[in-house]
All heavy atoms as atom14 arrays in JSON, in Angstrom:
{
  "sequence": "GNGGKAFMFKPAATVVSARRAGTTATFDQINKYYSIS",
  "atom14_mask": [
    [1, 1, 1, 1, 0, 0, 0, 0, 0, 0, 0, 0, 0, 0],
    [1, 1, 1, 1, 1, 1, 1, 1, 0, 0, 0, 0, 0, 0],
    [1, 1, 1, 1, 0, 0, 0, 0, 0, 0, 0, 0, 0, 0],
    [1, 1, 1, 1, 0, 0, 0, 0, 0, 0, 0, 0, 0, 0],
    [1, 1, 1, 1, 1, 1, 1, 1, 1, 0, 0, 0, 0, 0],
    [1, 1, 1, 1, 1, 0, 0, 0, 0, 0, 0, 0, 0, 0],
    [1, 1, 1, 1, 1, 1, 1, 1, 1, 1, 1, 0, 0, 0],
    [1, 1, 1, 1, 1, 1, 1, 1, 0, 0, 0, 0, 0, 0],
    [1, 1, 1, 1, 1, 1, 1, 1, 1, 1, 1, 0, 0, 0],
    [1, 1, 1, 1, 1, 1, 1, 1, 1, 0, 0, 0, 0, 0],
    [1, 1, 1, 1, 1, 1, 1, 0, 0, 0, 0, 0, 0, 0],
    [1, 1, 1, 1, 1, 0, 0, 0, 0, 0, 0, 0, 0, 0],
    [1, 1, 1, 1, 1, 0, 0, 0, 0, 0, 0, 0, 0, 0],
    [1, 1, 1, 1, 1, 1, 1, 0, 0, 0, 0, 0, 0, 0],
    [1, 1, 1, 1, 1, 1, 1, 0, 0, 0, 0, 0, 0, 0],
    [1, 1, 1, 1, 1, 1, 1, 0, 0, 0, 0, 0, 0, 0],
    [1, 1, 1, 1, 1, 1, 0, 0, 0, 0, 0, 0, 0, 0],
    [1, 1, 1, 1, 1, 0, 0, 0, 0, 0, 0, 0, 0, 0],
    [1, 1, 1, 1, 1, 1, 1, 1, 1, 1, 1, 0, 0, 0],
    [1, 1, 1, 1, 1, 1, 1, 1, 1, 1, 1, 0, 0, 0],
    [1, 1, 1, 1, 1, 0, 0, 0, 0, 0, 0, 0, 0, 0],
    [1, 1, 1, 1, 0, 0, 0, 0, 0, 0, 0, 0, 0, 0],
    [1, 1, 1, 1, 1, 1, 1, 0, 0, 0, 0, 0, 0, 0],
    [1, 1, 1, 1, 1, 1, 1, 0, 0, 0, 0, 0, 0, 0],
    [1, 1, 1, 1, 1, 0, 0, 0, 0, 0, 0, 0, 0, 0],
    [1, 1, 1, 1, 1, 1, 1, 0, 0, 0, 0, 0, 0, 0],
    [1, 1, 1, 1, 1, 1, 1, 1, 1, 1, 1, 0, 0, 0],
    [1, 1, 1, 1, 1, 1, 1, 1, 0, 0, 0, 0, 0, 0],
    [1, 1, 1, 1, 1, 1, 1, 1, 1, 0, 0, 0, 0, 0],
    [1, 1, 1, 1, 1, 1, 1, 1, 0, 0, 0, 0, 0, 0],
    [1, 1, 1, 1, 1, 1, 1, 1, 0, 0, 0, 0, 0, 0],
    [1, 1, 1, 1, 1, 1, 1, 1, 1, 0, 0, 0, 0, 0],
    [1, 1, 1, 1, 1, 1, 1, 1, 1, 1, 1, 1, 0, 0],
    [1, 1, 1, 1, 1, 1, 1, 1, 1, 1, 1, 1, 0, 0],
    [1, 1, 1, 1, 1, 1, 0, 0, 0, 0, 0, 0, 0, 0],
    [1, 1, 1, 1, 1, 1, 1, 1, 0, 0, 0, 0, 0, 0],
    [1, 1, 1, 1, 1, 1, 0, 0, 0, 0, 0, 0, 0, 0]
  ],
  "atom14_positions": [
    [[16.36, -8.0, -4.71], [17.76, -7.55, -4.61], [18.25, -7.28, -3.3], [19.53, -7.44, -3.08], [0.0, 0.0, 0.0], [0.0, 0.0, 0.0], [0.0, 0.0, 0.0], [0.0, 0.0, 0.0], [0.0, 0.0, 0.0], [0.0, 0.0, 0.0], [0.0, 0.0, 0.0], [0.0, 0.0, 0.0], [0.0, 0.0, 0.0], [0.0, 0.0, 0.0]],
    [[17.42, -7.04, -2.28], [17.96, -6.79, -0.94], [17.14, -7.4, 0.21], [17.25, -7.05, 1.34], [17.88, -5.24, -0.78], [18.7, -4.52, -1.84], [19.96, -4.51, -1.74], [18.04, -3.92, -2.75], [0.0, 0.0, 0.0], [0.0, 0.0, 0.0], [0.0, 0.0, 0.0], [0.0, 0.0, 0.0], [0.0, 0.0, 0.0], [0.0, 0.0, 0.0]],
    [[16.34, -8.46, -0.2], [15.55, -9.09, 0.82], [14.41, -8.3, 1.51], [13.91, -8.62, 2.48], [0.0, 0.0, 0.0], [0.0, 0.0, 0.0], [0.0, 0.0, 0.0], [0.0, 0.0, 0.0], [0.0, 0.0, 0.0], [0.0, 0.0, 0.0], [0.0, 0.0, 0.0], [0.0, 0.0, 0.0], [0.0, 0.0, 0.0], [0.0, 0.0, 0.0]],
    [[14.07, -7.16, 0.81], [13.04, -6.35, 1.34], [13.43, -5.41, 2.56], [12.61, -4.92, 3.23], [0.0, 0.0, 0.0], [0.0, 0.0, 0.0], [0.0, 0.0, 0.0], [0.0, 0.0, 0.0], [0.0, 0.0, 0.0], [0.0, 0.0, 0.0], [0.0, 0.0, 0.0], [0.0, 0.0, 0.0], [0.0, 0.0, 0.0], [0.0, 0.0, 0.0]],
    [[14.79, -5.3, 2.81], [15.23, -4.66, 4.04], [14.81, -3.17, 4.17], [14.64, -2.58, 5.21], [16.76, -4.83, 4.17], [17.19, -6.26, 4.39], [18.7, -6.3, 4.53], [19.13, -7.72, 4.62], [20.63, -7.8, 4.69], [0.0, 0.0, 0.0], [0.0, 0.0, 0.0], [0.0, 0.0, 0.0], [0.0, 0.0, 0.0], [0.0, 0.0, 0.0]],
    [[14.63, -2.49, 3.01], [14.23, -1.13, 3.0], [12.82, -0.9, 3.48], [12.46, 0.24, 3.9], [14.35, -0.49, 1.58], [0.0, 0.0, 0.0], [0.0, 0.0, 0.0], [0.0, 0.0, 0.0], [0.0, 0.0, 0.0], [0.0, 0.0, 0.0], [0.0, 0.0, 0.0], [0.0, 0.0, 0.0], [0.0, 0.0, 0.0], [0.0, 0.0, 0.0]],
    [[11.97, -1.94, 3.42], [10.57, -1.87, 3.88], [10.11, -2.74, 5.03], [9.26, -2.37, 5.81], [9.73, -2.14, 2.63], [9.9, -1.31, 1.49], [10.3, -1.78, 0.22], [9.61, 0.03, 1.6], [10.45, -0.93, -0.85], [9.69, 0.9, 0.49], [10.12, 0.37, -0.69], [0.0, 0.0, 0.0], [0.0, 0.0, 0.0], [0.0, 0.0, 0.0]],
    [[10.84, -3.85, 5.2], [10.45, -4.77, 6.24], [10.32, -4.14, 7.62], [11.24, -3.47, 8.18], [11.46, -5.93, 6.31], [10.97, -7.15, 7.14], [12.26, -8.47, 7.16], [12.46, -8.77, 5.37], [0.0, 0.0, 0.0], [0.0, 0.0, 0.0], [0.0, 0.0, 0.0], [0.0, 0.0, 0.0], [0.0, 0.0, 0.0], [0.0, 0.0, 0.0]],
    [[9.15, -4.38, 8.29], [8.81, -4.03, 9.64], [8.64, -2.46, 9.76], [8.33, -1.91, 10.85], [9.83, -4.41, 10.67], [10.05, -5.88, 10.6], [11.34, -6.42, 10.41], [8.97, -6.75, 10.87], [11.54, -7.81, 10.39], [9.16, -8.12, 10.8], [10.48, -8.64, 10.65], [0.0, 0.0, 0.0], [0.0, 0.0, 0.0], [0.0, 0.0, 0.0]],
    [[8.71, -1.73, 8.67], [8.52, -0.28, 8.68], [7.02, 0.01, 8.39], [6.43, -0.53, 7.44], [9.41, 0.47, 7.69], [10.88, 0.32, 7.97], [11.71, 0.98, 6.87], [13.19, 0.93, 7.11], [13.89, 1.63, 6.07], [0.0, 0.0, 0.0], [0.0, 0.0, 0.0], [0.0, 0.0, 0.0], [0.0, 0.0, 0.0], [0.0, 0.0, 0.0]],
    [[6.4, 0.87, 9.14], [4.92, 1.14, 8.89], [4.66, 1.93, 7.63], [5.44, 2.68, 7.19], [4.53, 1.99, 10.11], [5.83, 2.74, 10.54], [6.89, 1.7, 10.27], [0.0, 0.0, 0.0], [0.0, 0.0, 0.0], [0.0, 0.0, 0.0], [0.0, 0.0, 0.0], [0.0, 0.0, 0.0], [0.0, 0.0, 0.0], [0.0, 0.0, 0.0]],
    [[3.54, 1.56, 6.99], [3.16, 2.12, 5.76], [1.66, 2.4, 5.71], [0.87, 1.88, 6.45], [3.53, 1.28, 4.6], [0.0, 0.0, 0.0], [0.0, 0.0, 0.0], [0.0, 0.0, 0.0], [0.0, 0.0, 0.0], [0.0, 0.0, 0.0], [0.0, 0.0, 0.0], [0.0, 0.0, 0.0], [0.0, 0.0, 0.0], [0.0, 0.0, 0.0]],
    [[1.27, 3.36, 4.91], [-0.2, 3.77, 4.73], [-0.42, 4.2, 3.33], [0.42, 4.64, 2.56], [-0.54, 4.85, 5.74], [0.0, 0.0, 0.0], [0.0, 0.0, 0.0], [0.0, 0.0, 0.0], [0.0, 0.0, 0.0], [0.0, 0.0, 0.0], [0.0, 0.0, 0.0], [0.0, 0.0, 0.0], [0.0, 0.0, 0.0], [0.0, 0.0, 0.0]],
    [[-1.65, 4.06, 2.87], [-2.1, 4.42, 1.61], [-3.05, 5.7, 1.76], [-3.9, 5.69, 2.65], [-2.78, 3.36, 0.87], [-1.98, 2.14, 0.84], [-3.38, 3.73, -0.48], [0.0, 0.0, 0.0], [0.0, 0.0, 0.0], [0.0, 0.0, 0.0], [0.0, 0.0, 0.0], [0.0, 0.0, 0.0], [0.0, 0.0, 0.0], [0.0, 0.0, 0.0]],
    [[-2.85, 6.67, 0.83], [-3.76, 7.77, 0.7], [-4.33, 7.76, -0.71], [-3.6, 7.71, -1.71], [-3.1, 9.08, 1.06], [-3.94, 10.24, 0.5], [-2.79, 9.22, 2.52], [0.0, 0.0, 0.0], [0.0, 0.0, 0.0], [0.0, 0.0, 0.0], [0.0, 0.0, 0.0], [0.0, 0.0, 0.0], [0.0, 0.0, 0.0], [0.0, 0.0, 0.0]],
    [[-5.67, 7.89, -0.81], [-6.3, 7.83, -2.12], [-7.15, 9.1, -2.28], [-7.82, 9.51, -1.41], [-7.19, 6.59, -2.2], [-7.86, 6.6, -3.58], [-6.32, 5.32, -1.99], [0.0, 0.0, 0.0], [0.0, 0.0, 0.0], [0.0, 0.0, 0.0], [0.0, 0.0, 0.0], [0.0, 0.0, 0.0], [0.0, 0.0, 0.0], [0.0, 0.0, 0.0]],
    [[-7.09, 9.65, -3.48], [-7.92, 10.82, -3.88], [-8.7, 10.47, -5.02], [-8.34, 9.81, -5.96], [-7.07, 12.07, -4.18], [-6.34, 11.95, -5.29], [0.0, 0.0, 0.0], [0.0, 0.0, 0.0], [0.0, 0.0, 0.0], [0.0, 0.0, 0.0], [0.0, 0.0, 0.0], [0.0, 0.0, 0.0], [0.0, 0.0, 0.0], [0.0, 0.0, 0.0]],
    [[-9.97, 11.01, -5.09], [-10.93, 10.73, -6.2], [-11.99, 11.82, -6.27], [-12.3, 12.49, -5.33], [-11.58, 9.36, -5.99], [0.0, 0.0, 0.0], [0.0, 0.0, 0.0], [0.0, 0.0, 0.0], [0.0, 0.0, 0.0], [0.0, 0.0, 0.0], [0.0, 0.0, 0.0], [0.0, 0.0, 0.0], [0.0, 0.0, 0.0], [0.0, 0.0, 0.0]],
    [[-12.51, 11.95, -7.47], [-13.71, 12.85, -7.61], [-14.92, 12.28, -6.91], [-15.62, 13.0, -6.23], [-14.01, 13.04, -9.07], [-15.19, 13.93, -9.4], [-15.64, 13.87, -10.86], [-16.11, 12.53, -11.22], [-17.36, 12.17, -11.08], [-18.28, 12.94, -10.49], [-17.73, 10.93, -11.48], [0.0, 0.0, 0.0], [0.0, 0.0, 0.0], [0.0, 0.0, 0.0]],
    [[-15.01, 11.0, -7.02], [-16.26, 10.33, -6.48], [-16.13, 8.94, -5.9], [-16.24, 8.71, -4.82], [-17.41, 10.38, -7.51], [-18.77, 10.03, -6.99], [-19.89, 10.25, -8.05], [-21.2, 9.89, -7.59], [-21.96, 10.63, -6.81], [-21.57, 11.91, -6.47], [-23.14, 10.19, -6.47], [0.0, 0.0, 0.0], [0.0, 0.0, 0.0], [0.0, 0.0, 0.0]],
    [[-15.77, 7.93, -6.83], [-15.82, 6.58, -6.35], [-14.52, 5.86, -6.86], [-13.64, 6.43, -7.44], [-17.05, 5.82, -6.95], [0.0, 0.0, 0.0], [0.0, 0.0, 0.0], [0.0, 0.0, 0.0], [0.0, 0.0, 0.0], [0.0, 0.0, 0.0], [0.0, 0.0, 0.0], [0.0, 0.0, 0.0], [0.0, 0.0, 0.0], [0.0, 0.0, 0.0]],
    [[-14.4, 4.55, -6.41], [-13.24, 3.69, -6.77], [-12.21, 3.84, -5.71], [-11.13, 3.16, -5.9], [0.0, 0.0, 0.0], [0.0, 0.0, 0.0], [0.0, 0.0, 0.0], [0.0, 0.0, 0.0], [0.0, 0.0, 0.0], [0.0, 0.0, 0.0], [0.0, 0.0, 0.0], [0.0, 0.0, 0.0], [0.0, 0.0, 0.0], [0.0, 0.0, 0.0]],
    [[-12.45, 4.54, -4.67], [-11.46, 4.73, -3.66], [-11.06, 3.5, -2.85], [-9.92, 3.13, -2.61], [-11.89, 5.8, -2.58], [-13.25, 5.53, -2.23], [-11.78, 7.16, -3.25], [0.0, 0.0, 0.0], [0.0, 0.0, 0.0], [0.0, 0.0, 0.0], [0.0, 0.0, 0.0], [0.0, 0.0, 0.0], [0.0, 0.0, 0.0], [0.0, 0.0, 0.0]],
    [[-12.03, 2.7, -2.4], [-11.81, 1.59, -1.55], [-11.09, 0.49, -2.39], [-10.23, -0.26, -1.84], [-13.09, 1.0, -0.86], [-14.06, 0.75, -1.88], [-13.66, 2.04, 0.09], [0.0, 0.0, 0.0], [0.0, 0.0, 0.0], [0.0, 0.0, 0.0], [0.0, 0.0, 0.0], [0.0, 0.0, 0.0], [0.0, 0.0, 0.0], [0.0, 0.0, 0.0]],
    [[-11.45, 0.27, -3.61], [-10.67, -0.78, -4.47], [-9.24, -0.33, -4.6], [-8.38, -1.16, -4.54], [-11.5, -0.77, -5.76], [0.0, 0.0, 0.0], [0.0, 0.0, 0.0], [0.0, 0.0, 0.0], [0.0, 0.0, 0.0], [0.0, 0.0, 0.0], [0.0, 0.0, 0.0], [0.0, 0.0, 0.0], [0.0, 0.0, 0.0], [0.0, 0.0, 0.0]],
    [[-8.98, 0.93, -4.8], [-7.62, 1.5, -4.91], [-6.91, 1.25, -3.65], [-5.72, 0.9, -3.66], [-7.67, 2.92, -5.36], [-8.44, 3.04, -6.58], [-6.25, 3.32, -5.62], [0.0, 0.0, 0.0], [0.0, 0.0, 0.0], [0.0, 0.0, 0.0], [0.0, 0.0, 0.0], [0.0, 0.0, 0.0], [0.0, 0.0, 0.0], [0.0, 0.0, 0.0]],
    [[-7.61, 1.58, -2.57], [-7.02, 1.46, -1.19], [-6.54, 0.03, -0.95], [-5.41, -0.19, -0.5], [-8.09, 1.91, -0.19], [-7.67, 1.93, 1.2], [-6.68, 2.98, 1.64], [-8.11, 1.19, 2.19], [-6.27, 3.07, 2.9], [-7.7, 1.35, 3.56], [-6.85, 2.25, 3.9], [0.0, 0.0, 0.0], [0.0, 0.0, 0.0], [0.0, 0.0, 0.0]],
    [[-7.4, -0.94, -1.32], [-7.09, -2.34, -1.15], [-5.85, -2.77, -1.94], [-5.01, -3.55, -1.57], [-8.28, -3.22, -1.36], [-9.35, -3.15, -0.36], [-9.11, -2.59, 0.69], [-10.54, -3.47, -0.75], [0.0, 0.0, 0.0], [0.0, 0.0, 0.0], [0.0, 0.0, 0.0], [0.0, 0.0, 0.0], [0.0, 0.0, 0.0], [0.0, 0.0, 0.0]],
    [[-5.93, -2.26, -3.16], [-4.82, -2.56, -4.16], [-3.45, -2.3, -3.58], [-2.51, -3.01, -3.56], [-5.06, -1.85, -5.48], [-3.87, -2.08, -6.46], [-4.03, -1.05, -7.67], [-5.03, -0.38, -7.87], [-3.0, -1.05, -8.47], [0.0, 0.0, 0.0], [0.0, 0.0, 0.0], [0.0, 0.0, 0.0], [0.0, 0.0, 0.0], [0.0, 0.0, 0.0]],
    [[-3.25, -1.04, -3.15], [-1.99, -0.5, -2.68], [-1.65, -1.19, -1.38], [-0.46, -1.5, -1.1], [-1.9, 1.03, -2.52], [-2.26, 1.65, -3.91], [-0.57, 1.5, -2.05], [-1.22, 1.29, -4.98], [0.0, 0.0, 0.0], [0.0, 0.0, 0.0], [0.0, 0.0, 0.0], [0.0, 0.0, 0.0], [0.0, 0.0, 0.0], [0.0, 0.0, 0.0]],
    [[-2.56, -1.43, -0.51], [-2.24, -1.95, 0.78], [-1.6, -3.42, 0.68], [-0.9, -3.86, 1.53], [-3.5, -2.15, 1.64], [-3.91, -0.84, 2.41], [-3.05, 0.19, 2.3], [-5.07, -0.7, 2.79], [0.0, 0.0, 0.0], [0.0, 0.0, 0.0], [0.0, 0.0, 0.0], [0.0, 0.0, 0.0], [0.0, 0.0, 0.0], [0.0, 0.0, 0.0]],
    [[-1.84, -4.08, -0.44], [-1.27, -5.44, -0.57], [0.14, -5.38, -0.69], [0.83, -6.41, -0.32], [-1.99, -6.1, -1.84], [-3.42, -6.42, -1.63], [-4.03, -7.14, -2.81], [-5.4, -7.63, -2.54], [-6.41, -6.57, -2.38], [0.0, 0.0, 0.0], [0.0, 0.0, 0.0], [0.0, 0.0, 0.0], [0.0, 0.0, 0.0], [0.0, 0.0, 0.0]],
    [[0.78, -4.39, -1.13], [2.22, -4.28, -1.26], [2.85, -4.38, 0.16], [3.98, -4.96, 0.37], [2.66, -3.04, -1.93], [2.34, -2.99, -3.38], [1.19, -2.34, -3.83], [3.14, -3.54, -4.34], [0.91, -2.23, -5.21], [2.86, -3.52, -5.68], [1.75, -2.88, -6.18], [1.38, -2.8, -7.47], [0.0, 0.0, 0.0], [0.0, 0.0, 0.0]],
    [[2.14, -3.74, 1.12], [2.71, -3.78, 2.47], [2.65, -5.16, 3.2], [3.56, -5.54, 3.83], [1.99, -2.74, 3.36], [1.62, -1.42, 2.67], [0.53, -0.64, 2.93], [2.58, -0.89, 1.76], [0.27, 0.54, 2.39], [2.32, 0.35, 1.11], [1.13, 1.06, 1.48], [0.81, 2.19, 0.79], [0.0, 0.0, 0.0], [0.0, 0.0, 0.0]],
    [[1.49, -5.81, 3.08], [1.22, -7.0, 3.82], [2.19, -8.09, 3.28], [2.55, -8.96, 4.18], [-0.25, -7.4, 3.74], [-0.64, -7.61, 2.33], [0.0, 0.0, 0.0], [0.0, 0.0, 0.0], [0.0, 0.0, 0.0], [0.0, 0.0, 0.0], [0.0, 0.0, 0.0], [0.0, 0.0, 0.0], [0.0, 0.0, 0.0], [0.0, 0.0, 0.0]],
    [[2.5, -8.12, 1.99], [3.4, -9.14, 1.53], [4.9, -8.81, 1.82], [5.75, -9.6, 1.74], [3.22, -9.34, 0.03], [3.79, -10.66, -0.44], [3.95, -8.16, -0.73], [3.48, -10.96, -1.92], [0.0, 0.0, 0.0], [0.0, 0.0, 0.0], [0.0, 0.0, 0.0], [0.0, 0.0, 0.0], [0.0, 0.0, 0.0], [0.0, 0.0, 0.0]],
    [[5.1, -7.56, 2.3], [6.49, -7.07, 2.63], [6.7, -7.03, 4.13], [7.66, -6.38, 4.64], [6.74, -5.72, 1.94], [6.47, -5.87, 0.63], [0.0, 0.0, 0.0], [0.0, 0.0, 0.0], [0.0, 0.0, 0.0], [0.0, 0.0, 0.0], [0.0, 0.0, 0.0], [0.0, 0.0, 0.0], [0.0, 0.0, 0.0], [0.0, 0.0, 0.0]]
  ]
}
């Protein structure tokens, strides 16, 4: 809708919380939204 202007070139980070495991897989999942944007 907007060519990604709301996100383009703006820094982003992911924060993940867990009882025990699955954190790095989740971390990788969310980070992909930034790299494509």
